[in-house]
Protein backbone atom coordinates (compact mmCIF):
# COMPACT_ATOMS: atom_id res chain seq x y z
CA MET A 1 -88.68 31.91 -63.87
CA GLY A 2 -84.98 32.38 -65.92
CA GLU A 3 -83.42 33.83 -62.90
CA THR A 4 -84.75 31.70 -59.94
CA THR A 5 -83.45 28.72 -62.20
CA THR A 6 -79.51 30.44 -62.53
CA TYR A 7 -79.64 31.20 -59.15
CA ASP A 8 -81.06 27.87 -58.02
CA ARG A 9 -77.83 25.89 -60.29
CA THR A 10 -75.07 28.65 -59.24
CA ALA A 11 -76.28 27.55 -55.54
CA GLN A 12 -75.45 23.88 -56.52
CA ILE A 13 -72.62 24.33 -57.82
CA LEU A 14 -71.17 26.44 -55.40
CA GLY A 15 -72.22 23.37 -53.18
CA GLU A 16 -70.77 21.07 -55.35
CA THR A 17 -67.32 23.11 -55.31
CA THR A 18 -67.24 23.61 -51.27
CA ALA A 19 -68.41 20.24 -50.53
CA VAL A 20 -65.59 18.82 -53.01
CA ASN A 21 -62.88 21.25 -51.71
CA GLN A 22 -64.33 20.10 -47.99
CA ARG A 23 -63.71 16.32 -48.95
CA ARG A 24 -60.03 16.94 -50.62
CA ALA A 25 -58.67 19.01 -47.60
CA GLY A 26 -59.95 16.56 -45.52
CA ILE A 27 -58.49 13.42 -46.93
CA LEU A 28 -55.08 15.70 -47.44
CA PHE A 29 -55.16 15.97 -43.82
CA ILE A 30 -55.33 13.15 -42.71
CA ALA A 31 -52.68 11.29 -44.73
CA LEU A 32 -50.41 13.93 -43.90
CA ALA A 33 -50.97 12.93 -39.69
CA ALA A 34 -50.87 9.27 -40.73
CA GLN A 35 -48.12 8.89 -42.61
CA PHE A 36 -45.72 11.25 -40.21
CA MET A 37 -46.74 9.72 -37.10
CA THR A 38 -45.53 6.11 -38.93
CA ILE A 39 -42.90 7.55 -40.13
CA LEU A 40 -41.62 8.56 -37.04
CA MET A 41 -42.32 5.34 -34.69
CA LEU A 42 -41.06 3.33 -37.65
CA ALA A 43 -37.93 5.27 -37.80
CA ALA A 44 -37.79 5.58 -34.65
CA ALA A 45 -37.91 1.92 -33.67
CA ILE A 46 -34.89 1.77 -37.01
CA ALA A 47 -32.37 4.46 -35.53
CA PRO A 48 -30.14 2.15 -33.62
CA ASN A 49 -29.92 3.72 -29.87
CA TYR A 50 -31.90 6.59 -30.17
CA ASP A 51 -32.94 8.29 -27.43
CA PHE A 52 -36.50 9.66 -27.02
CA GLY A 53 -36.03 11.57 -24.31
CA GLY A 54 -32.31 13.40 -24.63
CA GLY A 55 -32.39 13.21 -28.74
CA ALA A 56 -34.04 15.52 -30.73
CA ILE A 57 -37.20 14.43 -32.96
CA SER A 58 -34.30 15.83 -36.00
CA ASP A 59 -32.05 13.58 -35.47
CA LEU A 60 -33.54 10.84 -37.22
CA GLY A 61 -33.23 13.18 -40.43
CA VAL A 62 -29.69 12.78 -40.13
CA VAL A 63 -28.90 9.25 -38.78
CA PRO A 64 -28.10 6.93 -41.89
CA GLU A 65 -30.09 4.13 -41.23
CA THR A 66 -33.53 6.76 -41.60
CA ALA A 67 -32.37 9.55 -42.74
CA LEU A 68 -33.70 9.85 -46.49
CA LEU A 69 -37.42 8.01 -44.62
CA PHE A 70 -37.28 10.58 -42.50
CA ASN A 71 -36.61 13.30 -44.67
CA VAL A 72 -39.02 12.68 -47.31
CA SER A 73 -41.91 11.80 -44.76
CA LEU A 74 -40.84 15.77 -43.68
CA VAL A 75 -41.16 17.07 -46.97
CA ALA A 76 -44.65 15.50 -47.63
CA VAL A 77 -45.83 17.18 -44.67
CA GLY A 78 -45.23 20.66 -45.91
CA VAL A 79 -46.92 19.60 -49.41
CA LEU A 80 -49.73 17.97 -47.69
CA ASN A 81 -50.01 20.37 -45.51
CA LEU A 82 -50.07 23.78 -48.09
CA LEU A 83 -52.53 21.67 -50.79
CA GLY A 84 -55.24 21.05 -47.10
CA GLY A 85 -54.63 24.71 -46.56
CA TYR A 86 -55.85 25.80 -50.05
CA PHE A 87 -58.84 23.75 -50.36
CA PHE A 88 -60.19 24.54 -46.94
CA TYR A 89 -59.72 28.09 -47.98
CA ARG A 90 -61.42 27.64 -51.06
CA THR A 91 -64.14 26.64 -48.49
CA HIS A 92 -63.75 29.60 -46.13
CA GLY A 93 -62.19 32.14 -47.96
CA ALA A 94 -60.30 34.02 -45.22
CA ARG A 95 -56.29 34.10 -46.95
CA TRP A 96 -54.54 35.04 -43.27
CA ILE A 97 -55.48 31.06 -42.33
CA LEU A 98 -53.94 30.72 -45.52
CA ALA A 99 -50.62 31.91 -44.94
CA VAL A 100 -50.77 30.26 -41.63
CA PHE A 101 -51.15 27.05 -43.51
CA ALA A 102 -48.16 27.93 -46.16
CA LEU A 103 -45.50 28.77 -43.73
CA ALA A 104 -46.18 25.58 -41.36
CA GLY A 105 -46.01 24.03 -44.88
CA LEU A 106 -43.00 25.73 -45.87
CA GLY A 107 -41.38 25.20 -42.42
CA ALA A 108 -42.02 21.27 -42.92
CA VAL A 109 -40.27 21.40 -46.32
CA GLY A 110 -37.11 23.25 -45.30
CA ALA A 111 -36.91 21.44 -42.29
CA GLY A 112 -36.89 18.08 -44.57
CA LEU A 113 -34.67 19.26 -47.51
CA PHE A 114 -32.22 20.61 -44.78
CA PRO A 115 -31.76 18.30 -42.18
CA LEU A 116 -29.95 18.82 -38.34
CA ASP A 117 -26.04 18.48 -39.26
CA THR A 118 -26.66 21.11 -42.53
CA GLY A 119 -26.58 24.74 -39.62
CA GLY A 120 -28.87 26.94 -38.63
CA LEU A 121 -31.47 26.40 -41.38
CA HIS A 122 -32.29 23.79 -39.75
CA GLY A 123 -33.18 25.20 -36.95
CA LEU A 124 -35.10 27.73 -38.38
CA PHE A 125 -37.81 26.23 -39.98
CA ALA A 126 -38.86 23.92 -37.91
CA LEU A 127 -38.91 26.48 -35.25
CA LEU A 128 -41.03 27.75 -38.32
CA ALA A 129 -43.03 24.51 -38.52
CA PHE A 130 -43.40 24.35 -34.71
CA LEU A 131 -44.85 27.56 -34.46
CA PHE A 132 -47.00 27.84 -37.50
CA PHE A 133 -48.54 24.21 -36.98
CA ASN A 134 -49.64 24.85 -34.21
CA VAL A 135 -51.10 28.04 -35.09
CA GLN A 136 -53.72 26.96 -37.66
CA ALA A 137 -55.04 25.05 -35.38
CA LEU A 138 -56.36 27.95 -33.61
CA ALA A 139 -56.46 30.32 -36.93
CA SER A 140 -59.01 27.18 -38.17
CA ALA A 141 -60.62 27.57 -34.55
CA THR A 142 -61.94 30.73 -36.22
CA ARG A 143 -63.87 29.39 -38.56
CA LEU A 144 -65.24 26.29 -36.85
CA SER A 145 -67.92 25.86 -33.86
CA GLY A 146 -68.63 23.55 -31.04
CA ALA A 147 -65.68 20.44 -30.00
CA MET A 148 -64.13 20.95 -33.53
CA ARG A 149 -63.29 24.32 -31.96
CA ALA A 150 -62.52 23.70 -28.79
CA MET A 151 -60.22 20.71 -29.72
CA SER A 152 -58.86 23.18 -32.10
CA ILE A 153 -57.92 25.55 -29.59
CA LEU A 154 -56.45 23.05 -26.90
CA ALA A 155 -54.21 20.78 -29.97
CA GLY A 156 -52.69 25.04 -30.55
CA GLY A 157 -52.28 25.62 -27.38
CA VAL A 158 -50.57 22.45 -25.73
CA GLY A 159 -48.23 22.58 -28.61
CA LEU A 160 -47.51 26.26 -28.41
CA VAL A 161 -47.01 26.03 -24.23
CA PHE A 162 -44.43 23.54 -25.48
CA VAL A 163 -42.59 25.40 -28.07
CA VAL A 164 -42.15 27.87 -25.27
CA LEU A 165 -40.41 25.46 -23.32
CA MET A 166 -38.03 24.21 -25.76
CA ALA A 167 -37.00 27.56 -26.40
CA ILE A 168 -36.27 27.83 -23.03
CA GLY A 169 -34.74 24.97 -22.48
CA ASP A 170 -32.93 25.50 -25.93
CA ALA A 171 -31.22 28.99 -24.70
CA GLY A 172 -29.81 26.67 -21.43
CA ASN A 173 -32.24 26.13 -18.61
CA ALA A 174 -32.83 22.37 -19.22
CA ALA A 175 -35.12 22.66 -16.19
CA ALA A 176 -37.65 23.31 -18.62
CA PHE A 177 -38.05 20.27 -20.49
CA GLY A 178 -39.11 19.00 -17.31
CA PRO A 179 -38.70 14.72 -16.91
CA ILE A 180 -39.96 14.35 -20.03
CA GLY A 181 -36.74 15.27 -21.61
CA HIS A 182 -35.64 17.22 -25.10
CA GLY A 183 -37.15 14.65 -27.14
CA GLY A 184 -40.39 14.44 -25.60
CA THR A 185 -40.78 18.06 -24.98
CA GLU A 186 -40.70 18.24 -29.39
CA ARG A 187 -43.19 15.54 -29.20
CA MET A 188 -45.55 17.55 -27.03
CA ILE A 189 -45.51 20.20 -29.60
CA VAL A 190 -46.55 18.10 -32.57
CA TYR A 191 -48.44 14.98 -31.56
CA PRO A 192 -51.40 16.97 -30.45
CA VAL A 193 -51.26 18.86 -33.50
CA MET A 194 -51.02 15.67 -35.58
CA LEU A 195 -54.31 14.42 -33.89
CA TRP A 196 -56.18 17.24 -34.53
CA LEU A 197 -55.24 17.17 -37.67
CA VAL A 198 -56.39 13.13 -38.43
CA ALA A 199 -59.67 14.41 -35.94
CA PHE A 200 -59.94 17.84 -38.04
CA GLY A 201 -59.53 16.11 -41.65
CA GLY A 202 -62.59 13.39 -39.74
CA TYR A 203 -64.35 16.47 -39.41
CA LEU A 204 -64.08 17.65 -43.02
CA LEU A 205 -65.20 14.84 -44.42
CA GLY A 206 -68.27 14.48 -42.90
CA ALA A 207 -68.90 18.47 -42.20
CA PRO A 208 -72.65 19.78 -43.66
CA GLU A 209 -71.97 21.01 -47.81
CA THR A 210 -72.51 24.56 -46.90
CA THR A 211 -70.74 27.57 -48.92
CA VAL A 212 -69.48 30.59 -47.91
CA ALA A 213 -72.43 32.18 -49.77
CA GLU A 214 -74.94 30.90 -48.20
CA LYS A 215 -73.43 31.26 -45.05
CA GLU A 216 -73.63 35.49 -45.65
CA ASP A 217 -76.95 34.99 -47.30
CA ALA A 218 -78.53 33.39 -43.70
CA THR A 219 -76.82 36.06 -41.93
CA ALA A 220 -78.09 38.67 -43.39
CA GLN A 221 -81.56 37.38 -43.06
């Protein structure tokens, strides 16, 4: 009787811990995407003569009127992604997925700390963020099912396609940008995964409170 009671209490604690981590991750992902999309809109409206099609998103980080606003928001994106990825990790236990979230967060923080006018470091960090934010959507899909899994694959896949197009365009073949230009291509890397983070955050907030241990027990049975 004592052993059974102890096991039940342990399972209850694990379930509560997983539920708390799910909610924390969900809130952080929603906050990340909501603040960044809002700042992008505001900064683009504030920056004088900003070119949506021809300009890069990172141009907003060097325009005097928007530099501080944009760069702080970008650093916040990285920090929130790392924290959210950690709490999500606490629900699944896969270290490689945590590493993907960490690399994406590192890219965003670096791109914010080293703006476009600081040289090559910005480009490296920005590419890291562009690449791994979309990879993290695909990585998360391995722990999801149903519509949320399909949305994760779609968002990550679309973003990676435009990462390739951006690389081709920046290498000298501007035709790869098509009618949406460099700015539009960058936004097709960023917007789908930001919208996915909002949806994913909501999914985690409403997901069943199932622990990793319970999943393993169900599989064993």
